[in-house]
Amino acid sequence: MKPGIHPAYGPVVFRDRAANYAFLTRSTMTSDKTVEWEDGNTYPVVDVEISHVSHPFYTGTARVLDTAGRVERFERRYGRRGAN
């Protein structure tokens, strides 16, 4: 890597406000806010609106859309493709 052109890469706490969950990882993101972590050290904290703990896809609460019904309704309304 070229020196001096890459952002600093260090430990950061990401906090999911919706699920009241935080995890420590490494990132190039920075923040003025800090939090004291479980190990006693202070790290920058980045608040996120959604993470793997609160996202419907990962929690199993995602709804499946009826795509077959949507396609059939579209074809009834606008006709089949190539039916000239």
Protein backbone atom coordinates (compact mmCIF):
# COMPACT_ATOMS: atom_id res chain seq x y z
CA MET A 1 0.00 0.00 0.00
CA LYS A 2 1.15 3.52 -0.69
CA PRO A 3 2.00 5.36 2.51
CA GLY A 4 0.06 8.48 3.45
CA ILE A 5 -3.00 8.03 1.19
CA HIS A 6 -5.13 5.60 3.23
CA PRO A 7 -7.34 6.56 6.18
CA ALA A 8 -6.46 5.37 9.67
CA TYR A 9 -7.78 1.86 10.42
CA GLY A 10 -8.49 1.16 14.05
CA PRO A 11 -10.96 -0.14 16.63
CA VAL A 12 -14.45 1.39 16.57
CA VAL A 13 -17.65 0.53 18.46
CA PHE A 14 -20.79 0.33 16.33
CA ARG A 15 -23.96 0.82 18.36
CA ASP A 16 -27.39 -0.22 17.06
CA ARG A 17 -29.78 2.20 18.75
CA ALA A 18 -32.91 0.26 17.75
CA ALA A 19 -31.81 -3.01 19.37
CA ASN A 20 -29.64 -1.59 22.16
CA TYR A 21 -26.70 -3.65 20.89
CA ALA A 22 -23.05 -2.69 20.36
CA PHE A 23 -20.05 -4.49 18.93
CA LEU A 24 -16.37 -3.68 18.69
CA THR A 25 -14.65 -4.06 15.34
CA ARG A 26 -12.02 -2.34 13.22
CA SER A 27 -12.97 0.32 10.68
CA THR A 28 -11.83 3.50 8.97
CA MET A 29 -14.90 5.35 10.30
CA THR A 30 -14.31 7.91 13.01
CA SER A 31 -16.47 9.80 15.47
CA ASP A 32 -16.15 12.56 18.04
CA LYS A 33 -18.26 10.56 20.48
CA THR A 34 -16.55 7.90 22.59
CA VAL A 35 -17.69 5.06 24.81
CA GLU A 36 -15.95 3.01 27.46
CA TRP A 37 -15.95 -0.62 26.35
CA GLU A 38 -16.08 -3.80 28.44
CA ASP A 39 -12.29 -4.10 28.45
CA GLY A 40 -11.95 -0.69 30.14
CA ASN A 41 -10.60 1.12 27.07
CA THR A 42 -12.30 4.09 25.42
CA TYR A 43 -13.17 3.80 21.72
CA PRO A 44 -14.94 6.04 19.20
CA VAL A 45 -18.60 5.07 18.82
CA VAL A 46 -20.67 5.21 15.62
CA ASP A 47 -24.45 5.02 16.00
CA VAL A 48 -26.24 3.03 13.30
CA GLU A 49 -29.95 2.71 12.69
CA ILE A 50 -29.93 -0.96 11.78
CA SER A 51 -27.56 -3.91 12.17
CA HIS A 52 -27.68 -7.68 11.94
CA VAL A 53 -29.49 -7.76 15.29
CA SER A 54 -32.43 -5.58 14.21
CA HIS A 55 -32.62 -6.15 10.43
CA PRO A 56 -35.71 -8.20 9.44
CA PHE A 57 -33.74 -10.39 7.02
CA TYR A 58 -31.39 -11.62 9.76
CA THR A 59 -33.99 -11.83 12.53
CA GLY A 60 -36.34 -13.99 10.47
CA THR A 61 -39.23 -11.52 10.51
CA ALA A 62 -38.95 -10.58 6.84
CA ARG A 63 -42.16 -10.84 4.83
CA VAL A 64 -42.22 -12.69 1.52
CA LEU A 65 -44.03 -10.84 -1.23
CA ASP A 66 -46.42 -12.65 -3.55
CA THR A 67 -44.43 -12.03 -6.72
CA ALA A 68 -46.35 -14.57 -8.79
CA GLY A 69 -49.62 -12.77 -8.09
CA ARG A 70 -48.04 -9.45 -8.95
CA VAL A 71 -46.76 -10.72 -12.30
CA GLU A 72 -50.14 -12.25 -13.18
CA ARG A 73 -51.95 -9.04 -12.24
CA PHE A 74 -49.52 -7.02 -14.41
CA GLU A 75 -50.04 -9.39 -17.35
CA ARG A 76 -53.85 -9.17 -16.99
CA ARG A 77 -53.71 -5.39 -16.86
CA TYR A 78 -51.18 -4.73 -19.65
CA GLY A 79 -51.19 -7.96 -21.66
CA ARG A 80 -48.53 -10.57 -22.14
CA ARG A 81 -45.24 -9.66 -23.73
CA GLY A 82 -45.06 -10.58 -27.42
CA ALA A 83 -48.79 -11.39 -27.71
CA ASN A 84 -49.19 -9.20 -30.85
